[in-house]
């Protein structure tokens, strides 16, 4: 199953995976399963796979280090039955050497409420203001493939394949938007992945060289967010959706056919932080 015109700015003011600026009614995406390398895949690279001198270095890699890092990406890709094209070597090097928290800009938001139990935060409600996002829509066979293919496109955009010719900077979270099938259980094929443009580029967004990437202005959105850690698959996401519904109980103020998955951690973090987002109606 596929949802139509996912990135249509008229219908979807809040395009896809990085969604945070559209009326919830305009959200339409899909979570499928993923395969090419993405932020999530790199999270699986532990210290034995990626040495600290690579991930923490702010200096350009030498050829041996670059070959080693590319080999790591290929290895992760094989676990998803995909290959990483050689043209990704440059973006891989750029993103890896800049893989430091200080270089990640948080997407602006305001926390409205926080719900805790015995000192543990169960979920919190936030408002994300309007802003400009770069989004890519994919509908591959697997969720992993769609997310990976989309993220690799965005990665090239971030790493100089844009009208400025410069590295734009990483923002977090990267958001994947999913649409449920009519049965309310399965995900539709279409997946939207989106990247919030850094504050420096909000007023004058750089143009992508890839026609599959669209810069979309989205209205503000209000979400209910719950943190979870590890990999994100159809199974783990479905489980997180169920958990949050159990905590919330029935609520007519929350969309039940569209959800978002926010990915926060840099590549190379084994137990990366993610969130499942429920969308408030009328936000």
C-alpha atoms as a PDB file:
ATOM      1  CA  UNK A   1       0.000   0.000   0.000  1.00  0.00           C
ATOM      2  CA  UNK A   2       1.169   3.523  -0.672  1.00  0.00           C
ATOM      3  CA  UNK A   3       0.005   6.951   0.392  1.00  0.00           C
ATOM      4  CA  UNK A   4      -0.171   9.635  -2.283  1.00  0.00           C
ATOM      5  CA  UNK A   5       1.794  12.833  -2.707  1.00  0.00           C
ATOM      6  CA  UNK A   6       3.556  12.545   0.597  1.00  0.00           C
ATOM      7  CA  UNK A   7       5.730  15.554   0.042  1.00  0.00           C
ATOM      8  CA  UNK A   8       3.138  17.836  -1.476  1.00  0.00           C
ATOM      9  CA  UNK A   9       3.597  21.128   0.438  1.00  0.00           C
ATOM     10  CA  UNK A  10      -0.078  21.941  -0.054  1.00  0.00           C
ATOM     11  CA  UNK A  11      -1.307  18.713   1.415  1.00  0.00           C
ATOM     12  CA  UNK A  12       1.543  17.937   3.733  1.00  0.00           C
ATOM     13  CA  UNK A  13       2.814  21.114   5.301  1.00  0.00           C
ATOM     14  CA  UNK A  14       4.764  18.878   7.559  1.00  0.00           C
ATOM     15  CA  UNK A  15       6.596  16.590   5.265  1.00  0.00           C
ATOM     16  CA  UNK A  16       7.891  13.394   6.621  1.00  0.00           C
ATOM     17  CA  UNK A  17      10.526  11.968   8.719  1.00  0.00           C
ATOM     18  CA  UNK A  18      11.750  15.147  10.134  1.00  0.00           C
ATOM     19  CA  UNK A  19       8.355  16.516  10.623  1.00  0.00           C
ATOM     20  CA  UNK A  20       7.728  19.228  13.082  1.00  0.00           C
ATOM     21  CA  UNK A  21       6.009  21.946  11.342  1.00  0.00           C
ATOM     22  CA  UNK A  22       2.777  20.916   9.908  1.00  0.00           C
ATOM     23  CA  UNK A  23      -0.740  20.561  11.000  1.00  0.00           C
ATOM     24  CA  UNK A  24      -1.204  16.967  12.082  1.00  0.00           C
ATOM     25  CA  UNK A  25      -3.941  16.587   9.514  1.00  0.00           C
ATOM     26  CA  UNK A  26      -1.350  17.179   6.867  1.00  0.00           C
ATOM     27  CA  UNK A  27       0.921  14.394   7.986  1.00  0.00           C
ATOM     28  CA  UNK A  28       1.101  11.367   5.821  1.00  0.00           C
ATOM     29  CA  UNK A  29       3.956   9.013   5.705  1.00  0.00           C
ATOM     30  CA  UNK A  30       4.924   5.543   6.169  1.00  0.00           C
ATOM     31  CA  UNK A  31       7.244   3.448   8.115  1.00  0.00           C
ATOM     32  CA  UNK A  32       8.606   0.594   6.173  1.00  0.00           C
ATOM     33  CA  UNK A  33      11.628  -1.308   7.032  1.00  0.00           C
ATOM     34  CA  UNK A  34      15.232  -0.089   6.333  1.00  0.00           C
ATOM     35  CA  UNK A  35      18.348  -1.201   4.513  1.00  0.00           C
ATOM     36  CA  UNK A  36      20.984   1.153   3.178  1.00  0.00           C
ATOM     37  CA  UNK A  37      23.118   2.782   5.801  1.00  0.00           C
ATOM     38  CA  UNK A  38      21.512   5.356   8.011  1.00  0.00           C
ATOM     39  CA  UNK A  39      22.033   7.030  11.355  1.00  0.00           C
ATOM     40  CA  UNK A  40      20.450   3.954  12.868  1.00  0.00           C
ATOM     41  CA  UNK A  41      22.776   1.535  11.110  1.00  0.00           C
ATOM     42  CA  UNK A  42      25.864   3.395  12.178  1.00  0.00           C
ATOM     43  CA  UNK A  43      24.600   3.217  15.707  1.00  0.00           C
ATOM     44  CA  UNK A  44      25.421  -0.448  15.575  1.00  0.00           C
ATOM     45  CA  UNK A  45      29.113   0.209  15.069  1.00  0.00           C
ATOM     46  CA  UNK A  46      30.694  -0.387  18.450  1.00  0.00           C
ATOM     47  CA  UNK A  47      34.158   0.509  19.666  1.00  0.00           C
ATOM     48  CA  UNK A  48      35.689  -2.585  18.097  1.00  0.00           C
ATOM     49  CA  UNK A  49      34.367  -1.561  14.705  1.00  0.00           C
ATOM     50  CA  UNK A  50      35.085   2.161  14.832  1.00  0.00           C
ATOM     51  CA  UNK A  51      38.118   3.304  16.751  1.00  0.00           C
ATOM     52  CA  UNK A  52      37.947   6.377  18.901  1.00  0.00           C
ATOM     53  CA  UNK A  53      40.628   8.031  16.811  1.00  0.00           C
ATOM     54  CA  UNK A  54      38.215   8.008  13.883  1.00  0.00           C
ATOM     55  CA  UNK A  55      34.924   8.947  15.480  1.00  0.00           C
ATOM     56  CA  UNK A  56      36.296  11.615  17.771  1.00  0.00           C
ATOM     57  CA  UNK A  57      38.852  13.198  15.478  1.00  0.00           C
ATOM     58  CA  UNK A  58      38.101  16.634  14.101  1.00  0.00           C
ATOM     59  CA  UNK A  59      40.971  16.250  11.619  1.00  0.00           C
ATOM     60  CA  UNK A  60      40.484  14.906   8.083  1.00  0.00           C
ATOM     61  CA  UNK A  61      41.088  11.161   7.808  1.00  0.00           C
ATOM     62  CA  UNK A  62      44.059   9.783   5.929  1.00  0.00           C
ATOM     63  CA  UNK A  63      43.424   7.316   3.118  1.00  0.00           C
ATOM     64  CA  UNK A  64      43.818   4.266   5.350  1.00  0.00           C
ATOM     65  CA  UNK A  65      41.336   5.575   7.895  1.00  0.00           C
ATOM     66  CA  UNK A  66      38.901   6.510   5.152  1.00  0.00           C
ATOM     67  CA  UNK A  67      39.141   3.012   3.661  1.00  0.00           C
ATOM     68  CA  UNK A  68      38.592   1.501   7.083  1.00  0.00           C
ATOM     69  CA  UNK A  69      35.509   3.608   7.773  1.00  0.00           C
ATOM     70  CA  UNK A  70      34.040   2.880   4.355  1.00  0.00           C
ATOM     71  CA  UNK A  71      34.598  -0.836   5.000  1.00  0.00           C
ATOM     72  CA  UNK A  72      32.646  -0.497   8.252  1.00  0.00           C
ATOM     73  CA  UNK A  73      29.738   1.090   6.398  1.00  0.00           C
ATOM     74  CA  UNK A  74      29.821  -1.685   3.824  1.00  0.00           C
ATOM     75  CA  UNK A  75      29.777  -4.286   6.583  1.00  0.00           C
ATOM     76  CA  UNK A  76      26.734  -2.718   8.180  1.00  0.00           C
ATOM     77  CA  UNK A  77      25.116  -2.463   4.767  1.00  0.00           C
ATOM     78  CA  UNK A  78      25.570  -6.175   4.171  1.00  0.00           C
ATOM     79  CA  UNK A  79      23.612  -6.947   7.318  1.00  0.00           C
ATOM     80  CA  UNK A  80      20.710  -5.199   5.599  1.00  0.00           C
ATOM     81  CA  UNK A  81      21.437  -6.859   2.251  1.00  0.00           C
ATOM     82  CA  UNK A  82      22.456  -3.591   0.619  1.00  0.00           C
ATOM     83  CA  UNK A  83      25.614  -1.936  -0.641  1.00  0.00           C
ATOM     84  CA  UNK A  84      27.016   1.490   0.100  1.00  0.00           C
ATOM     85  CA  UNK A  85      28.017   3.351  -3.098  1.00  0.00           C
ATOM     86  CA  UNK A  86      31.569   4.650  -3.351  1.00  0.00           C
ATOM     87  CA  UNK A  87      30.313   8.209  -3.744  1.00  0.00           C
ATOM     88  CA  UNK A  88      29.356   8.022  -0.063  1.00  0.00           C
ATOM     89  CA  UNK A  89      33.024   7.947   0.979  1.00  0.00           C
ATOM     90  CA  UNK A  90      33.242  11.740   1.163  1.00  0.00           C
ATOM     91  CA  UNK A  91      30.042  12.236   3.198  1.00  0.00           C
ATOM     92  CA  UNK A  92      31.020   9.314   5.451  1.00  0.00           C
ATOM     93  CA  UNK A  93      34.343  10.946   6.234  1.00  0.00           C
ATOM     94  CA  UNK A  94      32.777  14.365   6.762  1.00  0.00           C
ATOM     95  CA  UNK A  95      30.030  13.146   9.074  1.00  0.00           C
ATOM     96  CA  UNK A  96      32.340  10.838  11.023  1.00  0.00           C
ATOM     97  CA  UNK A  97      34.965  13.434  11.839  1.00  0.00           C
ATOM     98  CA  UNK A  98      32.228  15.858  12.889  1.00  0.00           C
ATOM     99  CA  UNK A  99      30.566  13.226  15.046  1.00  0.00           C
ATOM    100  CA  UNK A 100      30.583  15.245  18.242  1.00  0.00           C
ATOM    101  CA  UNK A 101      27.652  16.368  20.349  1.00  0.00           C
ATOM    102  CA  UNK A 102      28.892  19.947  20.324  1.00  0.00           C
ATOM    103  CA  UNK A 103      28.372  20.040  16.571  1.00  0.00           C
ATOM    104  CA  UNK A 104      24.763  18.849  16.675  1.00  0.00           C
ATOM    105  CA  UNK A 105      22.117  21.553  16.805  1.00  0.00           C
ATOM    106  CA  UNK A 106      18.854  20.604  18.554  1.00  0.00           C
ATOM    107  CA  UNK A 107      15.607  21.223  16.735  1.00  0.00           C
ATOM    108  CA  UNK A 108      13.878  24.025  18.704  1.00  0.00           C
ATOM    109  CA  UNK A 109      10.978  22.965  20.901  1.00  0.00           C
ATOM    110  CA  UNK A 110       9.063  23.904  24.045  1.00  0.00           C
ATOM    111  CA  UNK A 111       8.122  21.296  26.644  1.00  0.00           C
ATOM    112  CA  UNK A 112       4.492  21.737  27.662  1.00  0.00           C
ATOM    113  CA  UNK A 113       4.195  18.960  30.239  1.00  0.00           C
ATOM    114  CA  UNK A 114       6.080  15.969  31.612  1.00  0.00           C
ATOM    115  CA  UNK A 115       4.504  12.835  33.063  1.00  0.00           C
ATOM    116  CA  UNK A 116       6.543  10.782  35.521  1.00  0.00           C
ATOM    117  CA  UNK A 117       6.134   7.702  37.685  1.00  0.00           C
ATOM    118  CA  UNK A 118       8.543   6.874  40.508  1.00  0.00           C
ATOM    119  CA  UNK A 119      11.040   9.334  39.113  1.00  0.00           C
ATOM    120  CA  UNK A 120      10.903   7.922  35.591  1.00  0.00           C
ATOM    121  CA  UNK A 121       9.682  10.111  32.744  1.00  0.00           C
ATOM    122  CA  UNK A 122       6.936   8.165  30.989  1.00  0.00           C
ATOM    123  CA  UNK A 123       6.330  10.731  28.281  1.00  0.00           C
ATOM    124  CA  UNK A 124       6.247  14.439  27.706  1.00  0.00           C
ATOM    125  CA  UNK A 125       4.359  16.827  25.490  1.00  0.00           C
ATOM    126  CA  UNK A 126       6.174  19.356  23.319  1.00  0.00           C
ATOM    127  CA  UNK A 127       5.475  22.008  20.730  1.00  0.00           C
ATOM    128  CA  UNK A 128       7.792  22.346  17.756  1.00  0.00           C
ATOM    129  CA  UNK A 129       7.588  25.713  15.987  1.00  0.00           C
ATOM    130  CA  UNK A 130       7.205  26.275  12.282  1.00  0.00           C
ATOM    131  CA  UNK A 131      10.370  25.946  10.257  1.00  0.00           C
ATOM    132  CA  UNK A 132      11.999  24.676   7.105  1.00  0.00           C
ATOM    133  CA  UNK A 133      12.914  21.050   6.627  1.00  0.00           C
ATOM    134  CA  UNK A 134      14.613  19.040   3.896  1.00  0.00           C
ATOM    135  CA  UNK A 135      12.626  15.891   3.232  1.00  0.00           C
ATOM    136  CA  UNK A 136      12.852  12.770   1.112  1.00  0.00           C
ATOM    137  CA  UNK A 137      10.058  10.299   0.416  1.00  0.00           C
ATOM    138  CA  UNK A 138      10.859   6.627  -0.184  1.00  0.00           C
ATOM    139  CA  UNK A 139       8.734   3.515  -0.641  1.00  0.00           C
ATOM    140  CA  UNK A 140      11.154   0.613  -0.849  1.00  0.00           C
ATOM    141  CA  UNK A 141      10.345  -2.985  -0.017  1.00  0.00           C
ATOM    142  CA  UNK A 142      11.754  -2.797   3.500  1.00  0.00           C
ATOM    143  CA  UNK A 143      11.464  -0.064   6.093  1.00  0.00           C
ATOM    144  CA  UNK A 144      15.226  -0.261   6.518  1.00  0.00           C
ATOM    145  CA  UNK A 145      15.750   0.365   2.819  1.00  0.00           C
ATOM    146  CA  UNK A 146      13.496   3.397   2.686  1.00  0.00           C
ATOM    147  CA  UNK A 147      15.023   5.074   5.717  1.00  0.00           C
ATOM    148  CA  UNK A 148      18.574   4.285   4.650  1.00  0.00           C
ATOM    149  CA  UNK A 149      18.152   5.462   1.072  1.00  0.00           C
ATOM    150  CA  UNK A 150      16.494   8.663   2.228  1.00  0.00           C
ATOM    151  CA  UNK A 151      19.084   9.390   4.889  1.00  0.00           C
ATOM    152  CA  UNK A 152      21.966   8.856   2.488  1.00  0.00           C
ATOM    153  CA  UNK A 153      20.446  11.452   0.173  1.00  0.00           C
ATOM    154  CA  UNK A 154      20.098  13.878   3.067  1.00  0.00           C
ATOM    155  CA  UNK A 155      23.623  13.088   4.168  1.00  0.00           C
ATOM    156  CA  UNK A 156      24.986  14.153   0.785  1.00  0.00           C
ATOM    157  CA  UNK A 157      22.875  17.311   0.965  1.00  0.00           C
ATOM    158  CA  UNK A 158      24.283  18.123   4.396  1.00  0.00           C
ATOM    159  CA  UNK A 159      27.818  17.342   3.240  1.00  0.00           C
ATOM    160  CA  UNK A 160      28.188  20.021   0.569  1.00  0.00           C
ATOM    161  CA  UNK A 161      25.851  18.768  -2.201  1.00  0.00           C
ATOM    162  CA  UNK A 162      23.876  21.978  -1.969  1.00  0.00           C
ATOM    163  CA  UNK A 163      23.926  25.455  -3.479  1.00  0.00           C
ATOM    164  CA  UNK A 164      26.305  26.773  -0.797  1.00  0.00           C
ATOM    165  CA  UNK A 165      28.867  24.063  -1.472  1.00  0.00           C
ATOM    166  CA  UNK A 166      29.567  23.770   2.246  1.00  0.00           C
ATOM    167  CA  UNK A 167      28.844  21.471   5.160  1.00  0.00           C
ATOM    168  CA  UNK A 168      25.502  22.578   6.620  1.00  0.00           C
ATOM    169  CA  UNK A 169      25.745  21.035  10.071  1.00  0.00           C
ATOM    170  CA  UNK A 170      23.780  18.255  11.738  1.00  0.00           C
ATOM    171  CA  UNK A 171      20.518  18.838  13.598  1.00  0.00           C
ATOM    172  CA  UNK A 172      18.705  16.382  15.842  1.00  0.00           C
ATOM    173  CA  UNK A 173      16.379  14.678  15.833  1.00  0.00           C
ATOM    174  CA  UNK A 174      16.002  13.314  12.344  1.00  0.00           C
ATOM    175  CA  UNK A 175      12.359  12.290  12.111  1.00  0.00           C
ATOM    176  CA  UNK A 176      10.730   9.450  10.202  1.00  0.00           C
ATOM    177  CA  UNK A 177       7.002   9.773   9.621  1.00  0.00           C
ATOM    178  CA  UNK A 178       4.823   6.732   9.150  1.00  0.00           C
ATOM    179  CA  UNK A 179       1.249   6.123   8.074  1.00  0.00           C
ATOM    180  CA  UNK A 180      -0.757   3.138   9.241  1.00  0.00           C
ATOM    181  CA  UNK A 181      -2.653   0.893   6.847  1.00  0.00           C
ATOM    182  CA  UNK A 182      -6.431   0.663   7.100  1.00  0.00           C
ATOM    183  CA  UNK A 183      -6.151  -2.327   9.428  1.00  0.00           C
ATOM    184  CA  UNK A 184      -4.469  -0.028  11.946  1.00  0.00           C
ATOM    185  CA  UNK A 185      -1.688  -2.556  12.507  1.00  0.00           C
ATOM    186  CA  UNK A 186       0.615  -2.589   9.501  1.00  0.00           C
ATOM    187  CA  UNK A 187       2.658   0.272   8.116  1.00  0.00           C
ATOM    188  CA  UNK A 188       2.182   1.581   4.619  1.00  0.00           C
ATOM    189  CA  UNK A 189       5.193   1.499   2.324  1.00  0.00           C
ATOM    190  CA  UNK A 190       5.872   5.193   1.953  1.00  0.00           C
ATOM    191  CA  UNK A 191       8.384   6.628   4.388  1.00  0.00           C
ATOM    192  CA  UNK A 192       9.323  10.251   4.794  1.00  0.00           C
ATOM    193  CA  UNK A 193      12.674  11.193   6.277  1.00  0.00           C
ATOM    194  CA  UNK A 194      13.377  14.817   7.075  1.00  0.00           C
ATOM    195  CA  UNK A 195      16.177  16.992   8.368  1.00  0.00           C
ATOM    196  CA  UNK A 196      15.587  20.329  10.089  1.00  0.00           C
ATOM    197  CA  UNK A 197      17.691  23.073   8.536  1.00  0.00           C
ATOM    198  CA  UNK A 198      20.098  24.692  11.010  1.00  0.00           C
ATOM    199  CA  UNK A 199      19.146  28.155  12.282  1.00  0.00           C
ATOM    200  CA  UNK A 200      21.751  29.718  10.009  1.00  0.00           C
ATOM    201  CA  UNK A 201      19.849  28.505   6.945  1.00  0.00           C
ATOM    202  CA  UNK A 202      16.235  28.910   8.036  1.00  0.00           C
ATOM    203  CA  UNK A 203      15.774  32.314   6.380  1.00  0.00           C
ATOM    204  CA  UNK A 204      17.536  31.382   3.148  1.00  0.00           C
ATOM    205  CA  UNK A 205      17.614  27.598   2.696  1.00  0.00           C
ATOM    206  CA  UNK A 206      20.296  26.196   0.403  1.00  0.00           C
ATOM    207  CA  UNK A 207      19.031  24.459  -2.717  1.00  0.00           C
ATOM    208  CA  UNK A 208      19.620  20.691  -2.942  1.00  0.00           C
ATOM    209  CA  UNK A 209      21.413  19.351  -6.000  1.00  0.00           C
ATOM    210  CA  UNK A 210      19.330  16.169  -5.695  1.00  0.00           C
ATOM    211  CA  UNK A 211      15.809  16.677  -7.135  1.00  0.00           C
ATOM    212  CA  UNK A 212      14.445  14.059  -4.729  1.00  0.00           C
ATOM    213  CA  UNK A 213      15.092  16.397  -1.804  1.00  0.00           C
ATOM    214  CA  UNK A 214      12.499  19.083  -1.171  1.00  0.00           C
ATOM    215  CA  UNK A 215      12.744  22.063   1.146  1.00  0.00           C
ATOM    216  CA  UNK A 216       9.366  22.462   2.821  1.00  0.00           C
ATOM    217  CA  UNK A 217       8.091  25.017   5.317  1.00  0.00           C
ATOM    218  CA  UNK A 218       5.925  23.373   7.942  1.00  0.00           C
ATOM    219  CA  UNK A 219       3.613  24.820  10.521  1.00  0.00           C
ATOM    220  CA  UNK A 220       4.056  24.217  14.238  1.00  0.00           C
ATOM    221  CA  UNK A 221       3.131  20.814  15.612  1.00  0.00           C
ATOM    222  CA  UNK A 222       2.356  19.470  19.082  1.00  0.00           C
ATOM    223  CA  UNK A 223       3.510  15.957  19.936  1.00  0.00           C
ATOM    224  CA  UNK A 224       3.492  13.487  22.805  1.00  0.00           C
ATOM    225  CA  UNK A 225       6.963  11.933  22.971  1.00  0.00           C
ATOM    226  CA  UNK A 226       8.258   8.807  24.689  1.00  0.00           C
ATOM    227  CA  UNK A 227      11.938   7.821  24.746  1.00  0.00           C
ATOM    228  CA  UNK A 228      13.182   4.358  23.836  1.00  0.00           C
ATOM    229  CA  UNK A 229      16.632   2.994  23.037  1.00  0.00           C
ATOM    230  CA  UNK A 230      18.158   0.687  20.452  1.00  0.00           C
ATOM    231  CA  UNK A 231      17.311  -0.101  16.863  1.00  0.00           C
ATOM    232  CA  UNK A 232      14.102   0.897  15.127  1.00  0.00           C
ATOM    233  CA  UNK A 233      12.270  -1.708  13.084  1.00  0.00           C
ATOM    234  CA  UNK A 234       8.622  -2.205  12.274  1.00  0.00           C
ATOM    235  CA  UNK A 235       8.415  -4.561  15.241  1.00  0.00           C
ATOM    236  CA  UNK A 236      10.100  -2.294  17.785  1.00  0.00           C
ATOM    237  CA  UNK A 237       8.154   0.747  16.616  1.00  0.00           C
ATOM    238  CA  UNK A 238       4.841  -1.113  16.797  1.00  0.00           C
ATOM    239  CA  UNK A 239       5.718  -2.142  20.337  1.00  0.00           C
ATOM    240  CA  UNK A 240       6.513   1.447  21.328  1.00  0.00           C
ATOM    241  CA  UNK A 241       3.246   2.663  19.819  1.00  0.00           C
ATOM    242  CA  UNK A 242       1.348   0.094  21.892  1.00  0.00           C
ATOM    243  CA  UNK A 243       3.198   1.055  25.073  1.00  0.00           C
ATOM    244  CA  UNK A 244       2.431   4.740  24.672  1.00  0.00           C
ATOM    245  CA  UNK A 245      -1.231   4.053  23.934  1.00  0.00           C
ATOM    246  CA  UNK A 246      -1.422   1.990  27.122  1.00  0.00           C
ATOM    247  CA  UNK A 247       0.013   4.908  29.084  1.00  0.00           C
ATOM    248  CA  UNK A 248      -2.298   7.472  27.498  1.00  0.00           C
ATOM    249  CA  UNK A 249      -5.481   5.435  27.432  1.00  0.00           C
ATOM    250  CA  UNK A 250      -8.086   6.357  24.858  1.00  0.00           C
ATOM    251  CA  UNK A 251      -7.725   9.851  23.463  1.00  0.00           C
ATOM    252  CA  UNK A 252      -9.615  11.444  20.617  1.00  0.00           C
ATOM    253  CA  UNK A 253      -7.155  14.340  20.596  1.00  0.00           C
ATOM    254  CA  UNK A 254      -4.352  12.194  19.172  1.00  0.00           C
ATOM    255  CA  UNK A 255      -4.044  10.916  15.608  1.00  0.00           C
ATOM    256  CA  UNK A 256      -4.170   7.143  15.304  1.00  0.00           C
ATOM    257  CA  UNK A 257      -3.160   6.752  11.669  1.00  0.00           C
ATOM    258  CA  UNK A 258       0.116   8.680  11.675  1.00  0.00           C
ATOM    259  CA  UNK A 259       3.147   8.566  13.938  1.00  0.00           C
ATOM    260  CA  UNK A 260       6.704   9.822  13.918  1.00  0.00           C
ATOM    261  CA  UNK A 261       9.968   8.274  15.052  1.00  0.00           C
ATOM    262  CA  UNK A 262      12.693  10.698  16.109  1.00  0.00           C
ATOM    263  CA  UNK A 263      16.355   9.605  16.050  1.00  0.00           C
ATOM    264  CA  UNK A 264      18.739  11.600  18.248  1.00  0.00           C
ATOM    265  CA  UNK A 265      22.071   9.865  18.530  1.00  0.00           C
ATOM    266  CA  UNK A 266      25.131  10.266  16.386  1.00  0.00           C
ATOM    267  CA  UNK A 267      26.244   7.318  14.270  1.00  0.00           C
ATOM    268  CA  UNK A 268      28.263   4.801  16.243  1.00  0.00           C
ATOM    269  CA  UNK A 269      26.115   4.815  19.391  1.00  0.00           C
ATOM    270  CA  UNK A 270      25.055   1.202  20.101  1.00  0.00           C
ATOM    271  CA  UNK A 271      22.045   2.017  22.293  1.00  0.00           C
ATOM    272  CA  UNK A 272      20.984   5.212  20.587  1.00  0.00           C
ATOM    273  CA  UNK A 273      18.166   7.355  21.857  1.00  0.00           C
ATOM    274  CA  UNK A 274      14.929   7.427  19.869  1.00  0.00           C
ATOM    275  CA  UNK A 275      11.425   8.687  20.541  1.00  0.00           C
ATOM    276  CA  UNK A 276       7.995   7.689  19.350  1.00  0.00           C
ATOM    277  CA  UNK A 277       5.857  10.759  18.669  1.00  0.00           C
ATOM    278  CA  UNK A 278       2.067  10.907  18.784  1.00  0.00           C
ATOM    279  CA  UNK A 279       0.530  13.921  17.031  1.00  0.00           C
ATOM    280  CA  UNK A 280      -2.059  16.142  18.689  1.00  0.00           C
ATOM    281  CA  UNK A 281      -5.055  16.990  16.530  1.00  0.00           C
ATOM    282  CA  UNK A 282      -5.375  20.620  15.569  1.00  0.00           C
ATOM    283  CA  UNK A 283      -1.746  21.412  16.301  1.00  0.00           C
END
